[in-house]
Amino acid sequence: MFWRMVCVWTLAGGMGTMLAQVTVTESFTGTSASGWVFGGNYTPVLTAAAGIDTPGDGWLRLTD
């Protein structure tokens, strides 16, 4: 039981806070985002692909 608690404590970051960093290397201004998979409870849109913005001036829209 003791070792199980140690493993849980270690995996949970001990007494500290676990932080994550994400580096985005895509501008999302074009009509495609190669290598990116969008999904979840929302439908993200590349605005240049949807015709909302011109290619090169688009955005990644995460909301309606």
PDB file of N, CA and C in Angstrom:
ATOM      1  N   MET A   1       0.830  -1.194   0.000  1.00  0.00           N
ATOM      2  CA  MET A   1       0.000   0.000   0.000  1.00  0.00           C
ATOM      3  C   MET A   1       0.875   1.258   0.000  1.00  0.00           C
ATOM      4  N   PHE A   2       1.951   1.222   0.774  1.00  0.00           N
ATOM      5  CA  PHE A   2       2.841   2.373   0.858  1.00  0.00           C
ATOM      6  C   PHE A   2       3.409   2.718  -0.516  1.00  0.00           C
ATOM      7  N   TRP A   3       3.882   1.703  -1.257  1.00  0.00           N
ATOM      8  CA  TRP A   3       4.491   1.967  -2.567  1.00  0.00           C
ATOM      9  C   TRP A   3       3.462   2.469  -3.569  1.00  0.00           C
ATOM     10  N   ARG A   4       2.245   2.038  -3.461  1.00  0.00           N
ATOM     11  CA  ARG A   4       1.187   2.531  -4.342  1.00  0.00           C
ATOM     12  C   ARG A   4       0.964   4.023  -4.089  1.00  0.00           C
ATOM     13  N   MET A   5       0.972   4.422  -2.829  1.00  0.00           N
ATOM     14  CA  MET A   5       0.792   5.838  -2.499  1.00  0.00           C
ATOM     15  C   MET A   5       1.976   6.663  -2.990  1.00  0.00           C
ATOM     16  N   VAL A   6       3.189   6.119  -2.888  1.00  0.00           N
ATOM     17  CA  VAL A   6       4.379   6.821  -3.369  1.00  0.00           C
ATOM     18  C   VAL A   6       4.291   7.009  -4.886  1.00  0.00           C
ATOM     19  N   CYS A   7       3.860   5.985  -5.600  1.00  0.00           N
ATOM     20  CA  CYS A   7       3.727   6.078  -7.059  1.00  0.00           C
ATOM     21  C   CYS A   7       2.685   7.119  -7.451  1.00  0.00           C
ATOM     22  N   VAL A   8       1.550   7.117  -6.793  1.00  0.00           N
ATOM     23  CA  VAL A   8       0.503   8.104  -7.088  1.00  0.00           C
ATOM     24  C   VAL A   8       1.005   9.500  -6.781  1.00  0.00           C
ATOM     25  N   TRP A   9       1.662   9.681  -5.654  1.00  0.00           N
ATOM     26  CA  TRP A   9       2.199  10.984  -5.266  1.00  0.00           C
ATOM     27  C   TRP A   9       3.231  11.450  -6.279  1.00  0.00           C
ATOM     28  N   THR A  10       4.107  10.543  -6.739  1.00  0.00           N
ATOM     29  CA  THR A  10       5.142  10.882  -7.714  1.00  0.00           C
ATOM     30  C   THR A  10       4.530  11.246  -9.051  1.00  0.00           C
ATOM     31  N   LEU A  11       3.584  10.463  -9.529  1.00  0.00           N
ATOM     32  CA  LEU A  11       2.939  10.733 -10.811  1.00  0.00           C
ATOM     33  C   LEU A  11       2.111  12.010 -10.782  1.00  0.00           C
ATOM     34  N   ALA A  12       1.602  12.358  -9.629  1.00  0.00           N
ATOM     35  CA  ALA A  12       0.805  13.569  -9.491  1.00  0.00           C
ATOM     36  C   ALA A  12       1.668  14.809  -9.303  1.00  0.00           C
ATOM     37  N   GLY A  13       2.970  14.651  -9.295  1.00  0.00           N
ATOM     38  CA  GLY A  13       3.857  15.798  -9.179  1.00  0.00           C
ATOM     39  C   GLY A  13       4.293  16.094  -7.768  1.00  0.00           C
ATOM     40  N   GLY A  14       4.086  15.160  -6.885  1.00  0.00           N
ATOM     41  CA  GLY A  14       4.500  15.384  -5.499  1.00  0.00           C
ATOM     42  C   GLY A  14       3.731  16.536  -4.897  1.00  0.00           C
ATOM     43  N   MET A  15       4.419  17.415  -4.223  1.00  0.00           N
ATOM     44  CA  MET A  15       3.779  18.536  -3.561  1.00  0.00           C
ATOM     45  C   MET A  15       3.736  19.764  -4.472  1.00  0.00           C
ATOM     46  N   GLY A  16       4.436  19.716  -5.619  1.00  0.00           N
ATOM     47  CA  GLY A  16       4.506  20.866  -6.506  1.00  0.00           C
ATOM     48  C   GLY A  16       3.375  20.885  -7.520  1.00  0.00           C
ATOM     49  N   THR A  17       3.429  21.853  -8.381  1.00  0.00           N
ATOM     50  CA  THR A  17       2.437  22.003  -9.433  1.00  0.00           C
ATOM     51  C   THR A  17       3.042  21.549 -10.748  1.00  0.00           C
ATOM     52  N   MET A  18       2.293  20.759 -11.483  1.00  0.00           N
ATOM     53  CA  MET A  18       2.764  20.320 -12.789  1.00  0.00           C
ATOM     54  C   MET A  18       2.281  21.314 -13.834  1.00  0.00           C
ATOM     55  N   LEU A  19       3.186  21.750 -14.674  1.00  0.00           N
ATOM     56  CA  LEU A  19       2.851  22.696 -15.722  1.00  0.00           C
ATOM     57  C   LEU A  19       3.206  22.091 -17.070  1.00  0.00           C
ATOM     58  N   ALA A  20       2.466  22.478 -18.095  1.00  0.00           N
ATOM     59  CA  ALA A  20       2.754  22.008 -19.445  1.00  0.00           C
ATOM     60  C   ALA A  20       2.991  23.211 -20.340  1.00  0.00           C
ATOM     61  N   GLN A  21       3.853  23.022 -21.297  1.00  0.00           N
ATOM     62  CA  GLN A  21       4.116  24.073 -22.269  1.00  0.00           C
ATOM     63  C   GLN A  21       3.824  23.538 -23.648  1.00  0.00           C
ATOM     64  N   VAL A  22       3.223  24.355 -24.467  1.00  0.00           N
ATOM     65  CA  VAL A  22       2.903  23.985 -25.834  1.00  0.00           C
ATOM     66  C   VAL A  22       3.461  25.065 -26.746  1.00  0.00           C
ATOM     67  N   THR A  23       4.190  24.653 -27.764  1.00  0.00           N
ATOM     68  CA  THR A  23       4.702  25.594 -28.741  1.00  0.00           C
ATOM     69  C   THR A  23       3.929  25.406 -30.035  1.00  0.00           C
ATOM     70  N   VAL A  24       3.282  26.451 -30.484  1.00  0.00           N
ATOM     71  CA  VAL A  24       2.518  26.411 -31.732  1.00  0.00           C
ATOM     72  C   VAL A  24       3.414  26.918 -32.842  1.00  0.00           C
ATOM     73  N   THR A  25       3.629  26.095 -33.856  1.00  0.00           N
ATOM     74  CA  THR A  25       4.479  26.487 -34.966  1.00  0.00           C
ATOM     75  C   THR A  25       3.691  26.576 -36.262  1.00  0.00           C
ATOM     76  N   GLU A  26       2.441  26.906 -36.178  1.00  0.00           N
ATOM     77  CA  GLU A  26       1.562  27.043 -37.331  1.00  0.00           C
ATOM     78  C   GLU A  26       0.878  28.399 -37.237  1.00  0.00           C
ATOM     79  N   SER A  27       0.889  29.132 -38.333  1.00  0.00           N
ATOM     80  CA  SER A  27       0.265  30.459 -38.304  1.00  0.00           C
ATOM     81  C   SER A  27      -1.247  30.392 -38.493  1.00  0.00           C
ATOM     82  N   PHE A  28      -1.749  29.301 -39.081  1.00  0.00           N
ATOM     83  CA  PHE A  28      -3.183  29.115 -39.353  1.00  0.00           C
ATOM     84  C   PHE A  28      -3.744  30.183 -40.288  1.00  0.00           C
ATOM     85  N   THR A  29      -2.909  30.847 -41.062  1.00  0.00           N
ATOM     86  CA  THR A  29      -3.395  31.896 -41.958  1.00  0.00           C
ATOM     87  C   THR A  29      -3.820  31.361 -43.311  1.00  0.00           C
ATOM     88  N   GLY A  30      -3.420  30.128 -43.646  1.00  0.00           N
ATOM     89  CA  GLY A  30      -3.735  29.568 -44.951  1.00  0.00           C
ATOM     90  C   GLY A  30      -5.016  28.767 -44.958  1.00  0.00           C
ATOM     91  N   THR A  31      -5.164  27.948 -46.007  1.00  0.00           N
ATOM     92  CA  THR A  31      -6.373  27.148 -46.157  1.00  0.00           C
ATOM     93  C   THR A  31      -6.225  25.736 -45.603  1.00  0.00           C
ATOM     94  N   SER A  32      -5.036  25.396 -45.076  1.00  0.00           N
ATOM     95  CA  SER A  32      -4.836  24.083 -44.458  1.00  0.00           C
ATOM     96  C   SER A  32      -3.819  24.211 -43.333  1.00  0.00           C
ATOM     97  N   ALA A  33      -3.851  23.233 -42.446  1.00  0.00           N
ATOM     98  CA  ALA A  33      -2.907  23.172 -41.330  1.00  0.00           C
ATOM     99  C   ALA A  33      -2.357  21.758 -41.302  1.00  0.00           C
ATOM    100  N   SER A  34      -1.326  21.516 -42.084  1.00  0.00           N
ATOM    101  CA  SER A  34      -0.753  20.189 -42.243  1.00  0.00           C
ATOM    102  C   SER A  34      -0.275  19.624 -40.913  1.00  0.00           C
ATOM    103  N   GLY A  35      -0.689  18.401 -40.612  1.00  0.00           N
ATOM    104  CA  GLY A  35      -0.250  17.729 -39.398  1.00  0.00           C
ATOM    105  C   GLY A  35      -1.085  18.025 -38.163  1.00  0.00           C
ATOM    106  N   TRP A  36      -2.044  18.917 -38.256  1.00  0.00           N
ATOM    107  CA  TRP A  36      -2.889  19.263 -37.116  1.00  0.00           C
ATOM    108  C   TRP A  36      -4.200  18.498 -37.223  1.00  0.00           C
ATOM    109  N   VAL A  37      -4.657  17.986 -36.094  1.00  0.00           N
ATOM    110  CA  VAL A  37      -5.935  17.291 -36.025  1.00  0.00           C
ATOM    111  C   VAL A  37      -6.816  18.067 -35.060  1.00  0.00           C
ATOM    112  N   PHE A  38      -7.928  18.539 -35.560  1.00  0.00           N
ATOM    113  CA  PHE A  38      -8.856  19.319 -34.739  1.00  0.00           C
ATOM    114  C   PHE A  38     -10.041  18.448 -34.376  1.00  0.00           C
ATOM    115  N   GLY A  39     -10.524  18.594 -33.166  1.00  0.00           N
ATOM    116  CA  GLY A  39     -11.677  17.819 -32.754  1.00  0.00           C
ATOM    117  C   GLY A  39     -12.086  18.184 -31.353  1.00  0.00           C
ATOM    118  N   GLY A  40     -12.973  17.397 -30.820  1.00  0.00           N
ATOM    119  CA  GLY A  40     -13.469  17.652 -29.480  1.00  0.00           C
ATOM    120  C   GLY A  40     -14.929  18.033 -29.511  1.00  0.00           C
ATOM    121  N   ASN A  41     -15.358  18.812 -28.546  1.00  0.00           N
ATOM    122  CA  ASN A  41     -16.755  19.221 -28.439  1.00  0.00           C
ATOM    123  C   ASN A  41     -17.064  20.467 -29.247  1.00  0.00           C
ATOM    124  N   TYR A  42     -16.130  20.917 -30.039  1.00  0.00           N
ATOM    125  CA  TYR A  42     -16.306  22.108 -30.842  1.00  0.00           C
ATOM    126  C   TYR A  42     -15.827  21.811 -32.256  1.00  0.00           C
ATOM    127  N   THR A  43     -16.155  22.661 -33.188  1.00  0.00           N
ATOM    128  CA  THR A  43     -15.711  22.497 -34.564  1.00  0.00           C
ATOM    129  C   THR A  43     -14.847  23.686 -34.934  1.00  0.00           C
ATOM    130  N   PRO A  44     -13.534  23.569 -34.817  1.00  0.00           N
ATOM    131  CA  PRO A  44     -12.659  24.676 -35.177  1.00  0.00           C
ATOM    132  C   PRO A  44     -12.674  24.896 -36.689  1.00  0.00           C
ATOM    133  N   VAL A  45     -12.422  26.113 -37.099  1.00  0.00           N
ATOM    134  CA  VAL A  45     -12.488  26.490 -38.509  1.00  0.00           C
ATOM    135  C   VAL A  45     -11.254  27.292 -38.871  1.00  0.00           C
ATOM    136  N   LEU A  46     -10.623  26.945 -39.993  1.00  0.00           N
ATOM    137  CA  LEU A  46      -9.615  27.815 -40.574  1.00  0.00           C
ATOM    138  C   LEU A  46     -10.377  28.807 -41.431  1.00  0.00           C
ATOM    139  N   THR A  47     -10.371  30.068 -41.034  1.00  0.00           N
ATOM    140  CA  THR A  47     -11.227  31.056 -41.689  1.00  0.00           C
ATOM    141  C   THR A  47     -10.884  31.262 -43.163  1.00  0.00           C
ATOM    142  N   ALA A  48      -9.629  31.069 -43.556  1.00  0.00           N
ATOM    143  CA  ALA A  48      -9.265  31.189 -44.969  1.00  0.00           C
ATOM    144  C   ALA A  48      -9.840  30.017 -45.764  1.00  0.00           C
ATOM    145  N   ALA A  49      -9.880  28.830 -45.166  1.00  0.00           N
ATOM    146  CA  ALA A  49     -10.437  27.662 -45.842  1.00  0.00           C
ATOM    147  C   ALA A  49     -11.950  27.771 -45.974  1.00  0.00           C
ATOM    148  N   ALA A  50     -12.591  28.456 -45.034  1.00  0.00           N
ATOM    149  CA  ALA A  50     -14.043  28.602 -45.055  1.00  0.00           C
ATOM    150  C   ALA A  50     -14.497  29.776 -45.918  1.00  0.00           C
ATOM    151  N   GLY A  51     -13.553  30.541 -46.470  1.00  0.00           N
ATOM    152  CA  GLY A  51     -13.915  31.685 -47.296  1.00  0.00           C
ATOM    153  C   GLY A  51     -14.241  32.933 -46.502  1.00  0.00           C
ATOM    154  N   ILE A  52     -14.036  32.897 -45.208  1.00  0.00           N
ATOM    155  CA  ILE A  52     -14.305  34.067 -44.362  1.00  0.00           C
ATOM    156  C   ILE A  52     -13.212  35.109 -44.560  1.00  0.00           C
ATOM    157  N   ASP A  53     -11.960  34.653 -44.636  1.00  0.00           N
ATOM    158  CA  ASP A  53     -10.803  35.530 -44.868  1.00  0.00           C
ATOM    159  C   ASP A  53     -10.074  35.063 -46.119  1.00  0.00           C
ATOM    160  N   THR A  54      -9.240  35.928 -46.674  1.00  0.00           N
ATOM    161  CA  THR A  54      -8.440  35.540 -47.832  1.00  0.00           C
ATOM    162  C   THR A  54      -7.258  34.697 -47.372  1.00  0.00           C
ATOM    163  N   PRO A  55      -6.809  33.747 -48.222  1.00  0.00           N
ATOM    164  CA  PRO A  55      -5.641  32.946 -47.860  1.00  0.00           C
ATOM    165  C   PRO A  55      -4.441  33.841 -47.542  1.00  0.00           C
ATOM    166  N   GLY A  56      -3.780  33.551 -46.442  1.00  0.00           N
ATOM    167  CA  GLY A  56      -2.673  34.357 -45.962  1.00  0.00           C
ATOM    168  C   GLY A  56      -3.087  35.345 -44.890  1.00  0.00           C
ATOM    169  N   ASP A  57      -4.394  35.587 -44.772  1.00  0.00           N
ATOM    170  CA  ASP A  57      -4.913  36.517 -43.759  1.00  0.00           C
ATOM    171  C   ASP A  57      -5.876  35.830 -42.800  1.00  0.00           C
ATOM    172  N   GLY A  58      -5.914  34.493 -42.825  1.00  0.00           N
ATOM    173  CA  GLY A  58      -6.883  33.762 -42.021  1.00  0.00           C
ATOM    174  C   GLY A  58      -6.459  33.578 -40.578  1.00  0.00           C
ATOM    175  N   TRP A  59      -7.351  32.937 -39.849  1.00  0.00           N
ATOM    176  CA  TRP A  59      -7.168  32.664 -38.424  1.00  0.00           C
ATOM    177  C   TRP A  59      -7.693  31.271 -38.128  1.00  0.00           C
ATOM    178  N   LEU A  60      -7.328  30.747 -36.968  1.00  0.00           N
ATOM    179  CA  LEU A  60      -7.942  29.537 -36.449  1.00  0.00           C
ATOM    180  C   LEU A  60      -9.046  29.976 -35.510  1.00  0.00           C
ATOM    181  N   ARG A  61     -10.284  29.680 -35.866  1.00  0.00           N
ATOM    182  CA  ARG A  61     -11.433  30.065 -35.041  1.00  0.00           C
ATOM    183  C   ARG A  61     -11.884  28.848 -34.244  1.00  0.00           C
ATOM    184  N   LEU A  62     -11.920  28.971 -32.935  1.00  0.00           N
ATOM    185  CA  LEU A  62     -12.326  27.863 -32.067  1.00  0.00           C
ATOM    186  C   LEU A  62     -13.765  27.963 -31.596  1.00  0.00           C
ATOM    187  N   THR A  63     -14.427  29.057 -31.882  1.00  0.00           N
ATOM    188  CA  THR A  63     -15.805  29.257 -31.440  1.00  0.00           C
ATOM    189  C   THR A  63     -16.694  29.543 -32.636  1.00  0.00           C
ATOM    190  N   ASP A  64     -17.991  29.489 -32.430  1.00  0.00           N
ATOM    191  CA  ASP A  64     -18.950  29.815 -33.512  1.00  0.00           C
ATOM    192  C   ASP A  64     -18.945  31.273 -33.831  1.00  0.00           C
TER     193      ASP A  64
END
